[in-house]
Amino acid sequence: MRRIGLLAVLTLCWAAVSGSFSVPNLILGALVGLVCFWLVREKLSTERLPIRPLALLTLGLLFLKELALSAWAVLKTVVRRDMALKPGIFAYETGLTRDMEVTLLANLITLTPGTLSVDIRDDGRDGRRILYVHALDCADPAGLRRGIADGFERRIREAFA
C-alpha cells in the first residue's frame, strides 16, 4: 500500500513538471514511476522510515525560505561592480547517519544558490559523514557550518526522528 501512495506522488510530480494532467500523461507518469521502482528494487527496503509530516512540511518551508534568501544574495553579489568574493570549499561534519538523510542534506545544500555539495566522506567514527561544500562566498566557514547545522540538519533530524 505504501508503494501505491509513493507511485501516486511520483505520478503527480511527473504531471506537475510536465505541465499536463491529461489521462495519457498521468498514465505515462505512472509508467515512469514503475520503471523507477524497478531500477531501485534492491534499495527498496521493508524498514519503515519514521516520518513526522508537520516537521517535513517545516523542512520544506525552510528550504523555500533559504532558496529565496540565497537567490537574492547571489543576485546582489553578481550585480555589484566589485564582487568582493572569497569562494572556497569547507568541510561540514554531519551527525546524520542514515544514507537517505545525508543524501537529502547534500541535495538541499546543492539546490540552494551559492552552495554546492562536492563530496561526502565517511570519517570512520560512529558512522559520521563529512560533506565538502563549495560556497560562492566562504569568508565565514564557521557561520556557514552553523547555518547548515541549525537549519537543514536540525529540520531533517526532526522530520525523520
C-alpha atoms as a PDB file:
ATOM      1  CA  MET A   1       0.000   0.000   0.000  1.00  0.00           C
ATOM      2  CA  ARG A   2       2.866   2.352   0.794  1.00  0.00           C
ATOM      3  CA  ARG A   3       4.332   1.916  -2.695  1.00  0.00           C
ATOM      4  CA  ILE A   4       0.988   2.715  -4.288  1.00  0.00           C
ATOM      5  CA  GLY A   5       0.957   6.014  -2.419  1.00  0.00           C
ATOM      6  CA  LEU A   6       4.524   6.712  -3.498  1.00  0.00           C
ATOM      7  CA  LEU A   7       3.623   5.850  -7.088  1.00  0.00           C
ATOM      8  CA  ALA A   8       0.722   8.305  -6.896  1.00  0.00           C
ATOM      9  CA  VAL A   9       3.047  11.034  -5.630  1.00  0.00           C
ATOM     10  CA  LEU A  10       5.583  10.297  -8.393  1.00  0.00           C
ATOM     11  CA  THR A  11       2.792  10.390 -10.980  1.00  0.00           C
ATOM     12  CA  LEU A  12       1.552  13.752  -9.707  1.00  0.00           C
ATOM     13  CA  CYS A  13       5.104  15.116  -9.677  1.00  0.00           C
ATOM     14  CA  TRP A  14       5.507  13.954 -13.262  1.00  0.00           C
ATOM     15  CA  ALA A  15       2.290  15.709 -14.257  1.00  0.00           C
ATOM     16  CA  ALA A  16       3.261  18.898 -12.423  1.00  0.00           C
ATOM     17  CA  VAL A  17       6.716  19.018 -14.020  1.00  0.00           C
ATOM     18  CA  SER A  18       5.396  18.243 -17.496  1.00  0.00           C
ATOM     19  CA  GLY A  19       2.536  20.729 -17.070  1.00  0.00           C
ATOM     20  CA  SER A  20      -0.210  18.366 -18.211  1.00  0.00           C
ATOM     21  CA  PHE A  21      -2.705  16.479 -16.083  1.00  0.00           C
ATOM     22  CA  SER A  22      -4.272  14.688 -19.046  1.00  0.00           C
ATOM     23  CA  VAL A  23      -5.070  10.989 -18.679  1.00  0.00           C
ATOM     24  CA  PRO A  24      -2.403   9.854 -21.189  1.00  0.00           C
ATOM     25  CA  ASN A  25       0.236  11.943 -19.403  1.00  0.00           C
ATOM     26  CA  LEU A  26      -0.811  10.570 -15.994  1.00  0.00           C
ATOM     27  CA  ILE A  27      -0.515   7.030 -17.378  1.00  0.00           C
ATOM     28  CA  LEU A  28       2.925   7.876 -18.758  1.00  0.00           C
ATOM     29  CA  GLY A  29       3.905   9.307 -15.359  1.00  0.00           C
ATOM     30  CA  ALA A  30       2.770   6.115 -13.630  1.00  0.00           C
ATOM     31  CA  LEU A  31       4.799   4.036 -16.093  1.00  0.00           C
ATOM     32  CA  VAL A  32       7.872   6.189 -15.459  1.00  0.00           C
ATOM     33  CA  GLY A  33       7.297   5.710 -11.713  1.00  0.00           C
ATOM     34  CA  LEU A  34       7.103   1.936 -12.155  1.00  0.00           C
ATOM     35  CA  VAL A  35      10.352   1.977 -14.135  1.00  0.00           C
ATOM     36  CA  CYS A  36      11.932   3.981 -11.294  1.00  0.00           C
ATOM     37  CA  PHE A  37      10.718   1.377  -8.792  1.00  0.00           C
ATOM     38  CA  TRP A  38      12.182  -1.386 -10.951  1.00  0.00           C
ATOM     39  CA  LEU A  39      15.540   0.416 -11.198  1.00  0.00           C
ATOM     40  CA  VAL A  40      15.852   0.762  -7.411  1.00  0.00           C
ATOM     41  CA  ARG A  41      14.198  -2.511  -6.451  1.00  0.00           C
ATOM     42  CA  GLU A  42      17.221  -3.730  -4.450  1.00  0.00           C
ATOM     43  CA  LYS A  43      17.347  -0.490  -2.474  1.00  0.00           C
ATOM     44  CA  LEU A  44      13.668  -0.528  -1.527  1.00  0.00           C
ATOM     45  CA  SER A  45      13.735  -1.858   1.981  1.00  0.00           C
ATOM     46  CA  THR A  46      10.917  -3.102   4.122  1.00  0.00           C
ATOM     47  CA  GLU A  47      12.177  -0.962   7.012  1.00  0.00           C
ATOM     48  CA  ARG A  48       9.780   1.881   7.631  1.00  0.00           C
ATOM     49  CA  LEU A  49      11.398   5.260   7.998  1.00  0.00           C
ATOM     50  CA  PRO A  50       9.650   7.276  10.700  1.00  0.00           C
ATOM     51  CA  ILE A  51       8.307  10.453   9.116  1.00  0.00           C
ATOM     52  CA  ARG A  52       6.775  13.354  11.001  1.00  0.00           C
ATOM     53  CA  PRO A  53       4.606  15.154   8.396  1.00  0.00           C
ATOM     54  CA  LEU A  54       4.473  18.527  10.162  1.00  0.00           C
ATOM     55  CA  ALA A  55       8.254  18.565  10.639  1.00  0.00           C
ATOM     56  CA  LEU A  56       8.685  17.540   6.982  1.00  0.00           C
ATOM     57  CA  LEU A  57       6.461  20.452   5.954  1.00  0.00           C
ATOM     58  CA  THR A  58       8.585  22.756   8.130  1.00  0.00           C
ATOM     59  CA  LEU A  59      11.701  21.455   6.360  1.00  0.00           C
ATOM     60  CA  GLY A  60      10.109  22.215   3.001  1.00  0.00           C
ATOM     61  CA  LEU A  61       9.197  25.734   4.090  1.00  0.00           C
ATOM     62  CA  LEU A  62      12.720  26.274   5.427  1.00  0.00           C
ATOM     63  CA  PHE A  63      14.111  25.191   2.055  1.00  0.00           C
ATOM     64  CA  LEU A  64      11.846  27.648   0.209  1.00  0.00           C
ATOM     65  CA  LYS A  65      12.931  30.435   2.570  1.00  0.00           C
ATOM     66  CA  GLU A  66      16.628  29.585   2.147  1.00  0.00           C
ATOM     67  CA  LEU A  67      16.139  29.312  -1.612  1.00  0.00           C
ATOM     68  CA  ALA A  68      14.680  32.813  -1.800  1.00  0.00           C
ATOM     69  CA  LEU A  69      17.251  34.365   0.560  1.00  0.00           C
ATOM     70  CA  SER A  70      20.189  32.695  -1.199  1.00  0.00           C
ATOM     71  CA  ALA A  71      18.918  33.619  -4.653  1.00  0.00           C
ATOM     72  CA  TRP A  72      18.590  37.230  -3.510  1.00  0.00           C
ATOM     73  CA  ALA A  73      22.107  37.208  -2.005  1.00  0.00           C
ATOM     74  CA  VAL A  74      23.611  35.731  -5.192  1.00  0.00           C
ATOM     75  CA  LEU A  75      21.734  38.279  -7.316  1.00  0.00           C
ATOM     76  CA  LYS A  76      23.052  41.152  -5.200  1.00  0.00           C
ATOM     77  CA  THR A  77      26.554  39.730  -5.444  1.00  0.00           C
ATOM     78  CA  VAL A  78      26.631  39.342  -9.218  1.00  0.00           C
ATOM     79  CA  VAL A  79      25.208  42.789  -9.981  1.00  0.00           C
ATOM     80  CA  ARG A  80      27.718  44.578  -7.753  1.00  0.00           C
ATOM     81  CA  ARG A  81      30.573  46.222  -9.542  1.00  0.00           C
ATOM     82  CA  ASP A  82      33.322  44.970  -7.203  1.00  0.00           C
ATOM     83  CA  MET A  83      32.069  41.408  -6.478  1.00  0.00           C
ATOM     84  CA  ALA A  84      34.327  41.014  -3.458  1.00  0.00           C
ATOM     85  CA  LEU A  85      34.013  37.250  -3.149  1.00  0.00           C
ATOM     86  CA  LYS A  86      36.025  34.671  -1.328  1.00  0.00           C
ATOM     87  CA  PRO A  87      34.904  31.358  -2.849  1.00  0.00           C
ATOM     88  CA  GLY A  88      36.086  28.184  -1.214  1.00  0.00           C
ATOM     89  CA  ILE A  89      35.401  24.678  -0.028  1.00  0.00           C
ATOM     90  CA  PHE A  90      34.743  23.874   3.607  1.00  0.00           C
ATOM     91  CA  ALA A  91      34.232  20.602   5.443  1.00  0.00           C
ATOM     92  CA  TYR A  92      30.985  20.041   7.314  1.00  0.00           C
ATOM     93  CA  GLU A  93      30.775  17.106   9.722  1.00  0.00           C
ATOM     94  CA  THR A  94      27.197  15.941   9.936  1.00  0.00           C
ATOM     95  CA  GLY A  95      25.676  13.959  12.755  1.00  0.00           C
ATOM     96  CA  LEU A  96      23.169  12.339  10.385  1.00  0.00           C
ATOM     97  CA  THR A  97      23.796   8.614   9.976  1.00  0.00           C
ATOM     98  CA  ARG A  98      21.126   7.318   7.583  1.00  0.00           C
ATOM     99  CA  ASP A  99      22.094   7.406   3.913  1.00  0.00           C
ATOM    100  CA  MET A 100      18.773   8.961   2.952  1.00  0.00           C
ATOM    101  CA  GLU A 101      19.172  11.814   5.450  1.00  0.00           C
ATOM    102  CA  VAL A 102      22.750  12.589   4.374  1.00  0.00           C
ATOM    103  CA  THR A 103      21.713  12.500   0.723  1.00  0.00           C
ATOM    104  CA  LEU A 104      18.786  14.820   1.428  1.00  0.00           C
ATOM    105  CA  LEU A 105      21.087  17.247   3.259  1.00  0.00           C
ATOM    106  CA  ALA A 106      23.607  17.214   0.403  1.00  0.00           C
ATOM    107  CA  ASN A 107      20.848  17.811  -2.146  1.00  0.00           C
ATOM    108  CA  LEU A 108      19.281  20.664  -0.169  1.00  0.00           C
ATOM    109  CA  ILE A 109      22.696  22.314   0.065  1.00  0.00           C
ATOM    110  CA  THR A 110      23.269  21.871  -3.682  1.00  0.00           C
ATOM    111  CA  LEU A 111      19.817  23.196  -4.584  1.00  0.00           C
ATOM    112  CA  THR A 112      20.436  26.360  -2.578  1.00  0.00           C
ATOM    113  CA  PRO A 113      22.038  29.040  -4.808  1.00  0.00           C
ATOM    114  CA  GLY A 114      25.632  29.848  -3.921  1.00  0.00           C
ATOM    115  CA  THR A 115      26.465  26.439  -2.453  1.00  0.00           C
ATOM    116  CA  LEU A 116      27.297  23.049  -3.918  1.00  0.00           C
ATOM    117  CA  SER A 117      27.924  19.712  -2.222  1.00  0.00           C
ATOM    118  CA  VAL A 118      31.165  18.457  -3.714  1.00  0.00           C
ATOM    119  CA  ASP A 119      31.857  15.207  -1.872  1.00  0.00           C
ATOM    120  CA  ILE A 120      30.714  13.041   1.019  1.00  0.00           C
ATOM    121  CA  ARG A 121      33.248  11.059   3.025  1.00  0.00           C
ATOM    122  CA  ASP A 122      32.832   8.561   5.828  1.00  0.00           C
ATOM    123  CA  ASP A 123      35.262   9.516   8.581  1.00  0.00           C
ATOM    124  CA  GLY A 124      35.043   6.080  10.204  1.00  0.00           C
ATOM    125  CA  ARG A 125      33.806   7.295  13.592  1.00  0.00           C
ATOM    126  CA  ASP A 126      30.288   6.398  14.678  1.00  0.00           C
ATOM    127  CA  GLY A 127      29.053   6.436  11.087  1.00  0.00           C
ATOM    128  CA  ARG A 128      29.558  10.200  10.869  1.00  0.00           C
ATOM    129  CA  ARG A 129      29.957  11.708   7.452  1.00  0.00           C
ATOM    130  CA  ILE A 130      31.864  14.739   6.260  1.00  0.00           C
ATOM    131  CA  LEU A 131      30.336  16.835   3.490  1.00  0.00           C
ATOM    132  CA  TYR A 132      32.620  19.028   1.454  1.00  0.00           C
ATOM    133  CA  VAL A 133      30.693  22.088   0.355  1.00  0.00           C
ATOM    134  CA  HIS A 134      31.733  24.761  -2.143  1.00  0.00           C
ATOM    135  CA  ALA A 135      30.415  28.198  -1.264  1.00  0.00           C
ATOM    136  CA  LEU A 136      30.388  31.234  -3.511  1.00  0.00           C
ATOM    137  CA  ASP A 137      31.416  33.324  -0.511  1.00  0.00           C
ATOM    138  CA  CYS A 138      33.347  31.308   2.053  1.00  0.00           C
ATOM    139  CA  ALA A 139      34.615  34.254   4.111  1.00  0.00           C
ATOM    140  CA  ASP A 140      32.983  32.805   7.247  1.00  0.00           C
ATOM    141  CA  PRO A 141      33.072  28.969   7.057  1.00  0.00           C
ATOM    142  CA  ALA A 142      32.140  28.649  10.739  1.00  0.00           C
ATOM    143  CA  GLY A 143      28.999  30.690  10.096  1.00  0.00           C
ATOM    144  CA  LEU A 144      28.137  28.539   7.085  1.00  0.00           C
ATOM    145  CA  ARG A 145      28.580  25.372   9.164  1.00  0.00           C
ATOM    146  CA  ARG A 146      26.411  26.818  11.924  1.00  0.00           C
ATOM    147  CA  GLY A 147      23.737  27.762   9.379  1.00  0.00           C
ATOM    148  CA  ILE A 148      23.611  24.224   7.998  1.00  0.00           C
ATOM    149  CA  ALA A 149      23.543  22.660  11.471  1.00  0.00           C
ATOM    150  CA  ASP A 150      20.845  24.983  12.825  1.00  0.00           C
ATOM    151  CA  GLY A 151      18.830  24.902   9.628  1.00  0.00           C
ATOM    152  CA  PHE A 152      18.692  21.949   7.284  1.00  0.00           C
ATOM    153  CA  GLU A 153      20.327  19.327   9.507  1.00  0.00           C
ATOM    154  CA  ARG A 154      18.184  20.116  12.531  1.00  0.00           C
ATOM    155  CA  ARG A 155      14.981  20.066  10.450  1.00  0.00           C
ATOM    156  CA  ILE A 156      15.955  16.783   8.757  1.00  0.00           C
ATOM    157  CA  ARG A 157      16.615  15.239  12.160  1.00  0.00           C
ATOM    158  CA  GLU A 158      13.186  16.424  13.386  1.00  0.00           C
ATOM    159  CA  ALA A 159      11.371  15.225  10.244  1.00  0.00           C
ATOM    160  CA  PHE A 160      12.789  11.705  10.370  1.00  0.00           C
ATOM    161  CA  ALA A 161      13.059  11.152  14.127  1.00  0.00           C
END
